[in-house]
Structures are given as structure tokens and as C-alpha cells.
Amino acid sequence: MLIDTRLGRLWNVHRDVFTKRYYFKCQSKDRWNGLESALCTRRYTALRSLMRLIAKEDKK
């Protein structure tokens, strides 16, 4: 699932079926990162809106 945040970055989001945790990568990076570590970064606000979008997707 690709989600475009307000920062204009495309985030590729992957949900781990077993742990129910989300992983994401910005298209400029190759590595998958856990959301927990990312919440400490400056991208926190973008990720918060990202999580809201994911929650909406889950309800469908």
C-alpha cells in the first residue's frame, strides 16, 4: 500500500500479518523501518497522519 503524506513523500507501508505491526519505508530509502523507532524522528507529524490513514484503510 502506497500512501502519500503531506510532506509529498510516498511511504510504502507493509503490515506484518502475525505481529499486526506496521513497517514503512520512504521511497528514497531501501530499508524497512519499524514505526516505533520512526516516532522518535522529525517525521513524527507525518507519521501520525499516516497512521490515521492506515486506520481508515483497516476499517474498510
PDB file of N, CA and C in Angstrom:
ATOM      1  N   MET A   1       0.858  -1.182   0.000  1.00  0.00           N
ATOM      2  CA  MET A   1       0.000   0.000   0.000  1.00  0.00           C
ATOM      3  C   MET A   1       0.895   1.233   0.000  1.00  0.00           C
ATOM      4  N   LEU A   2       0.662   2.124  -0.936  1.00  0.00           N
ATOM      5  CA  LEU A   2       1.454   3.353  -1.009  1.00  0.00           C
ATOM      6  C   LEU A   2       0.619   4.510  -0.491  1.00  0.00           C
ATOM      7  N   ILE A   3       1.174   5.275   0.407  1.00  0.00           N
ATOM      8  CA  ILE A   3       0.446   6.415   0.958  1.00  0.00           C
ATOM      9  C   ILE A   3       1.285   7.668   0.801  1.00  0.00           C
ATOM     10  N   ASP A   4       0.671   8.711   0.276  1.00  0.00           N
ATOM     11  CA  ASP A   4       1.377   9.970   0.086  1.00  0.00           C
ATOM     12  C   ASP A   4       1.068  10.883   1.270  1.00  0.00           C
ATOM     13  N   THR A   5       2.084  11.252   2.026  1.00  0.00           N
ATOM     14  CA  THR A   5       1.864  12.134   3.166  1.00  0.00           C
ATOM     15  C   THR A   5       1.894  13.584   2.719  1.00  0.00           C
ATOM     16  N   ARG A   6       1.578  14.458   3.648  1.00  0.00           N
ATOM     17  CA  ARG A   6       1.543  15.886   3.322  1.00  0.00           C
ATOM     18  C   ARG A   6       2.915  16.428   2.940  1.00  0.00           C
ATOM     19  N   LEU A   7       3.949  15.726   3.347  1.00  0.00           N
ATOM     20  CA  LEU A   7       5.295  16.177   3.012  1.00  0.00           C
ATOM     21  C   LEU A   7       5.624  15.888   1.552  1.00  0.00           C
ATOM     22  N   GLY A   8       4.693  15.223   0.857  1.00  0.00           N
ATOM     23  CA  GLY A   8       4.936  14.908  -0.537  1.00  0.00           C
ATOM     24  C   GLY A   8       5.788  13.666  -0.723  1.00  0.00           C
ATOM     25  N   ARG A   9       6.036  12.955   0.358  1.00  0.00           N
ATOM     26  CA  ARG A   9       6.808  11.726   0.239  1.00  0.00           C
ATOM     27  C   ARG A   9       5.857  10.557   0.090  1.00  0.00           C
ATOM     28  N   LEU A  10       6.262   9.597  -0.700  1.00  0.00           N
ATOM     29  CA  LEU A  10       5.471   8.374  -0.800  1.00  0.00           C
ATOM     30  C   LEU A  10       6.006   7.368   0.214  1.00  0.00           C
ATOM     31  N   TRP A  11       5.128   6.877   1.044  1.00  0.00           N
ATOM     32  CA  TRP A  11       5.526   5.872   2.016  1.00  0.00           C
ATOM     33  C   TRP A  11       4.955   4.538   1.573  1.00  0.00           C
ATOM     34  N   ASN A  12       5.791   3.553   1.531  1.00  0.00           N
ATOM     35  CA  ASN A  12       5.341   2.213   1.204  1.00  0.00           C
ATOM     36  C   ASN A  12       5.094   1.505   2.536  1.00  0.00           C
ATOM     37  N   VAL A  13       3.857   1.131   2.791  1.00  0.00           N
ATOM     38  CA  VAL A  13       3.504   0.592   4.100  1.00  0.00           C
ATOM     39  C   VAL A  13       3.236  -0.902   4.007  1.00  0.00           C
ATOM     40  N   HIS A  14       3.803  -1.620   4.933  1.00  0.00           N
ATOM     41  CA  HIS A  14       3.625  -3.062   4.962  1.00  0.00           C
ATOM     42  C   HIS A  14       3.155  -3.470   6.346  1.00  0.00           C
ATOM     43  N   ARG A  15       2.107  -4.280   6.408  1.00  0.00           N
ATOM     44  CA  ARG A  15       1.615  -4.734   7.706  1.00  0.00           C
ATOM     45  C   ARG A  15       2.029  -6.183   7.927  1.00  0.00           C
ATOM     46  N   ASP A  16       2.689  -6.420   9.041  1.00  0.00           N
ATOM     47  CA  ASP A  16       3.064  -7.781   9.392  1.00  0.00           C
ATOM     48  C   ASP A  16       1.811  -8.505   9.868  1.00  0.00           C
ATOM     49  N   VAL A  17       1.439  -9.568   9.160  1.00  0.00           N
ATOM     50  CA  VAL A  17       0.184 -10.256   9.451  1.00  0.00           C
ATOM     51  C   VAL A  17       0.192 -10.871  10.849  1.00  0.00           C
ATOM     52  N   PHE A  18       1.343 -11.368  11.266  1.00  0.00           N
ATOM     53  CA  PHE A  18       1.394 -12.098  12.533  1.00  0.00           C
ATOM     54  C   PHE A  18       1.496 -11.178  13.738  1.00  0.00           C
ATOM     55  N   THR A  19       2.349 -10.171  13.667  1.00  0.00           N
ATOM     56  CA  THR A  19       2.527  -9.292  14.822  1.00  0.00           C
ATOM     57  C   THR A  19       1.579  -8.105  14.784  1.00  0.00           C
ATOM     58  N   LYS A  20       0.905  -7.892  13.661  1.00  0.00           N
ATOM     59  CA  LYS A  20      -0.026  -6.775  13.472  1.00  0.00           C
ATOM     60  C   LYS A  20       0.676  -5.425  13.563  1.00  0.00           C
ATOM     61  N   ARG A  21       2.015  -5.425  13.373  1.00  0.00           N
ATOM     62  CA  ARG A  21       2.739  -4.165  13.408  1.00  0.00           C
ATOM     63  C   ARG A  21       2.961  -3.647  11.999  1.00  0.00           C
ATOM     64  N   TYR A  22       3.052  -2.343  11.890  1.00  0.00           N
ATOM     65  CA  TYR A  22       3.265  -1.735  10.585  1.00  0.00           C
ATOM     66  C   TYR A  22       4.726  -1.379  10.383  1.00  0.00           C
ATOM     67  N   TYR A  23       5.175  -1.581   9.164  1.00  0.00           N
ATOM     68  CA  TYR A  23       6.514  -1.150   8.781  1.00  0.00           C
ATOM     69  C   TYR A  23       6.348  -0.250   7.575  1.00  0.00           C
ATOM     70  N   PHE A  24       7.281   0.647   7.399  1.00  0.00           N
ATOM     71  CA  PHE A  24       7.161   1.568   6.282  1.00  0.00           C
ATOM     72  C   PHE A  24       8.536   1.853   5.724  1.00  0.00           C
ATOM     73  N   LYS A  25       8.579   2.316   4.500  1.00  0.00           N
ATOM     74  CA  LYS A  25       9.813   2.895   4.005  1.00  0.00           C
ATOM     75  C   LYS A  25       9.472   4.064   3.113  1.00  0.00           C
ATOM     76  N   CYS A  26      10.267   5.086   3.244  1.00  0.00           N
ATOM     77  CA  CYS A  26      10.155   6.205   2.331  1.00  0.00           C
ATOM     78  C   CYS A  26      10.781   5.726   1.033  1.00  0.00           C
ATOM     79  N   GLN A  27      10.262   6.194  -0.098  1.00  0.00           N
ATOM     80  CA  GLN A  27      10.750   5.669  -1.363  1.00  0.00           C
ATOM     81  C   GLN A  27      12.230   5.938  -1.603  1.00  0.00           C
ATOM     82  N   SER A  28      12.780   6.936  -0.923  1.00  0.00           N
ATOM     83  CA  SER A  28      14.192   7.241  -1.132  1.00  0.00           C
ATOM     84  C   SER A  28      15.098   6.259  -0.381  1.00  0.00           C
ATOM     85  N   LYS A  29      14.509   5.489   0.519  1.00  0.00           N
ATOM     86  CA  LYS A  29      15.311   4.554   1.313  1.00  0.00           C
ATOM     87  C   LYS A  29      14.959   3.118   0.955  1.00  0.00           C
ATOM     88  N   ASP A  30      15.904   2.245   1.113  1.00  0.00           N
ATOM     89  CA  ASP A  30      15.668   0.843   0.777  1.00  0.00           C
ATOM     90  C   ASP A  30      15.225   0.007   1.966  1.00  0.00           C
ATOM     91  N   ARG A  31      15.685   0.400   3.155  1.00  0.00           N
ATOM     92  CA  ARG A  31      15.426  -0.420   4.328  1.00  0.00           C
ATOM     93  C   ARG A  31      14.016  -0.233   4.867  1.00  0.00           C
ATOM     94  N   TRP A  32      13.439  -1.317   5.386  1.00  0.00           N
ATOM     95  CA  TRP A  32      12.175  -1.205   6.112  1.00  0.00           C
ATOM     96  C   TRP A  32      12.499  -0.790   7.537  1.00  0.00           C
ATOM     97  N   ASN A  33      11.708   0.108   8.088  1.00  0.00           N
ATOM     98  CA  ASN A  33      11.916   0.554   9.470  1.00  0.00           C
ATOM     99  C   ASN A  33      10.664   0.280  10.283  1.00  0.00           C
ATOM    100  N   GLY A  34      10.859  -0.082  11.551  1.00  0.00           N
ATOM    101  CA  GLY A  34       9.703  -0.218  12.424  1.00  0.00           C
ATOM    102  C   GLY A  34       9.160   1.159  12.764  1.00  0.00           C
ATOM    103  N   LEU A  35       7.849   1.270  12.878  1.00  0.00           N
ATOM    104  CA  LEU A  35       7.247   2.574  13.170  1.00  0.00           C
ATOM    105  C   LEU A  35       7.705   3.120  14.516  1.00  0.00           C
ATOM    106  N   GLU A  36       7.927   2.225  15.483  1.00  0.00           N
ATOM    107  CA  GLU A  36       8.291   2.693  16.818  1.00  0.00           C
ATOM    108  C   GLU A  36       9.544   3.560  16.793  1.00  0.00           C
ATOM    109  N   SER A  37      10.558   3.121  16.078  1.00  0.00           N
ATOM    110  CA  SER A  37      11.794   3.900  16.035  1.00  0.00           C
ATOM    111  C   SER A  37      11.582   5.207  15.288  1.00  0.00           C
ATOM    112  N   ALA A  38      10.702   5.182  14.301  1.00  0.00           N
ATOM    113  CA  ALA A  38      10.474   6.374  13.491  1.00  0.00           C
ATOM    114  C   ALA A  38       9.738   7.455  14.270  1.00  0.00           C
ATOM    115  N   LEU A  39       8.962   7.053  15.268  1.00  0.00           N
ATOM    116  CA  LEU A  39       8.203   8.041  16.023  1.00  0.00           C
ATOM    117  C   LEU A  39       9.118   8.998  16.772  1.00  0.00           C
ATOM    118  N   CYS A  40      10.366   8.624  16.938  1.00  0.00           N
ATOM    119  CA  CYS A  40      11.313   9.496  17.629  1.00  0.00           C
ATOM    120  C   CYS A  40      11.894  10.546  16.685  1.00  0.00           C
ATOM    121  N   THR A  41      11.635  10.400  15.401  1.00  0.00           N
ATOM    122  CA  THR A  41      12.271  11.291  14.432  1.00  0.00           C
ATOM    123  C   THR A  41      11.433  12.526  14.160  1.00  0.00           C
ATOM    124  N   ARG A  42      11.975  13.405  13.349  1.00  0.00           N
ATOM    125  CA  ARG A  42      11.285  14.641  12.997  1.00  0.00           C
ATOM    126  C   ARG A  42      10.048  14.396  12.151  1.00  0.00           C
ATOM    127  N   ARG A  43       9.943  13.204  11.600  1.00  0.00           N
ATOM    128  CA  ARG A  43       8.805  12.911  10.730  1.00  0.00           C
ATOM    129  C   ARG A  43       7.569  12.514  11.530  1.00  0.00           C
ATOM    130  N   TYR A  44       7.609  12.731  12.833  1.00  0.00           N
ATOM    131  CA  TYR A  44       6.525  12.270  13.706  1.00  0.00           C
ATOM    132  C   TYR A  44       5.150  12.725  13.230  1.00  0.00           C
ATOM    133  N   THR A  45       5.016  14.010  12.855  1.00  0.00           N
ATOM    134  CA  THR A  45       3.696  14.513  12.468  1.00  0.00           C
ATOM    135  C   THR A  45       3.209  13.844  11.193  1.00  0.00           C
ATOM    136  N   ALA A  46       4.110  13.634  10.257  1.00  0.00           N
ATOM    137  CA  ALA A  46       3.727  12.960   9.018  1.00  0.00           C
ATOM    138  C   ALA A  46       3.288  11.530   9.314  1.00  0.00           C
ATOM    139  N   LEU A  47       3.996  10.885  10.226  1.00  0.00           N
ATOM    140  CA  LEU A  47       3.657   9.505  10.548  1.00  0.00           C
ATOM    141  C   LEU A  47       2.344   9.410  11.304  1.00  0.00           C
ATOM    142  N   ARG A  48       2.046  10.440  12.087  1.00  0.00           N
ATOM    143  CA  ARG A  48       0.776  10.424  12.810  1.00  0.00           C
ATOM    144  C   ARG A  48      -0.384  10.460  11.824  1.00  0.00           C
ATOM    145  N   SER A  49      -0.267  11.308  10.802  1.00  0.00           N
ATOM    146  CA  SER A  49      -1.325  11.346   9.793  1.00  0.00           C
ATOM    147  C   SER A  49      -1.324  10.052   8.984  1.00  0.00           C
ATOM    148  N   LEU A  50      -0.144   9.475   8.803  1.00  0.00           N
ATOM    149  CA  LEU A  50      -0.042   8.197   8.103  1.00  0.00           C
ATOM    150  C   LEU A  50      -0.793   7.108   8.858  1.00  0.00           C
ATOM    151  N   MET A  51      -0.631   7.081  10.176  1.00  0.00           N
ATOM    152  CA  MET A  51      -1.313   6.076  10.978  1.00  0.00           C
ATOM    153  C   MET A  51      -2.826   6.261  10.926  1.00  0.00           C
ATOM    154  N   ARG A  52      -3.268   7.523  10.860  1.00  0.00           N
ATOM    155  CA  ARG A  52      -4.708   7.772  10.725  1.00  0.00           C
ATOM    156  C   ARG A  52      -5.231   7.207   9.412  1.00  0.00           C
ATOM    157  N   LEU A  53      -4.464   7.406   8.340  1.00  0.00           N
ATOM    158  CA  LEU A  53      -4.866   6.881   7.038  1.00  0.00           C
ATOM    159  C   LEU A  53      -4.915   5.355   7.057  1.00  0.00           C
ATOM    160  N   ILE A  54      -3.938   4.753   7.724  1.00  0.00           N
ATOM    161  CA  ILE A  54      -3.906   3.295   7.809  1.00  0.00           C
ATOM    162  C   ILE A  54      -5.119   2.787   8.585  1.00  0.00           C
ATOM    163  N   ALA A  55      -5.465   3.479   9.653  1.00  0.00           N
ATOM    164  CA  ALA A  55      -6.617   3.075  10.455  1.00  0.00           C
ATOM    165  C   ALA A  55      -7.887   3.106   9.611  1.00  0.00           C
ATOM    166  N   LYS A  56      -7.998   4.130   8.766  1.00  0.00           N
ATOM    167  CA  LYS A  56      -9.162   4.210   7.881  1.00  0.00           C
ATOM    168  C   LYS A  56      -9.179   3.042   6.908  1.00  0.00           C
ATOM    169  N   GLU A  57      -8.011   2.683   6.373  1.00  0.00           N
ATOM    170  CA  GLU A  57      -7.918   1.559   5.444  1.00  0.00           C
ATOM    171  C   GLU A  57      -8.332   0.262   6.130  1.00  0.00           C
ATOM    172  N   ASP A  58      -7.941   0.106   7.384  1.00  0.00           N
ATOM    173  CA  ASP A  58      -8.253  -1.113   8.124  1.00  0.00           C
ATOM    174  C   ASP A  58      -9.747  -1.299   8.328  1.00  0.00           C
ATOM    175  N   LYS A  59     -10.463  -0.192   8.454  1.00  0.00           N
ATOM    176  CA  LYS A  59     -11.901  -0.276   8.717  1.00  0.00           C
ATOM    177  C   LYS A  59     -12.687  -0.723   7.491  1.00  0.00           C
ATOM    178  N   LYS A  60     -12.081  -0.550   6.313  1.00  0.00           N
ATOM    179  CA  LYS A  60     -12.796  -0.922   5.078  1.00  0.00           C
ATOM    180  C   LYS A  60     -12.969  -2.427   4.984  1.00  0.00           C
TER     181      LYS A  60
END
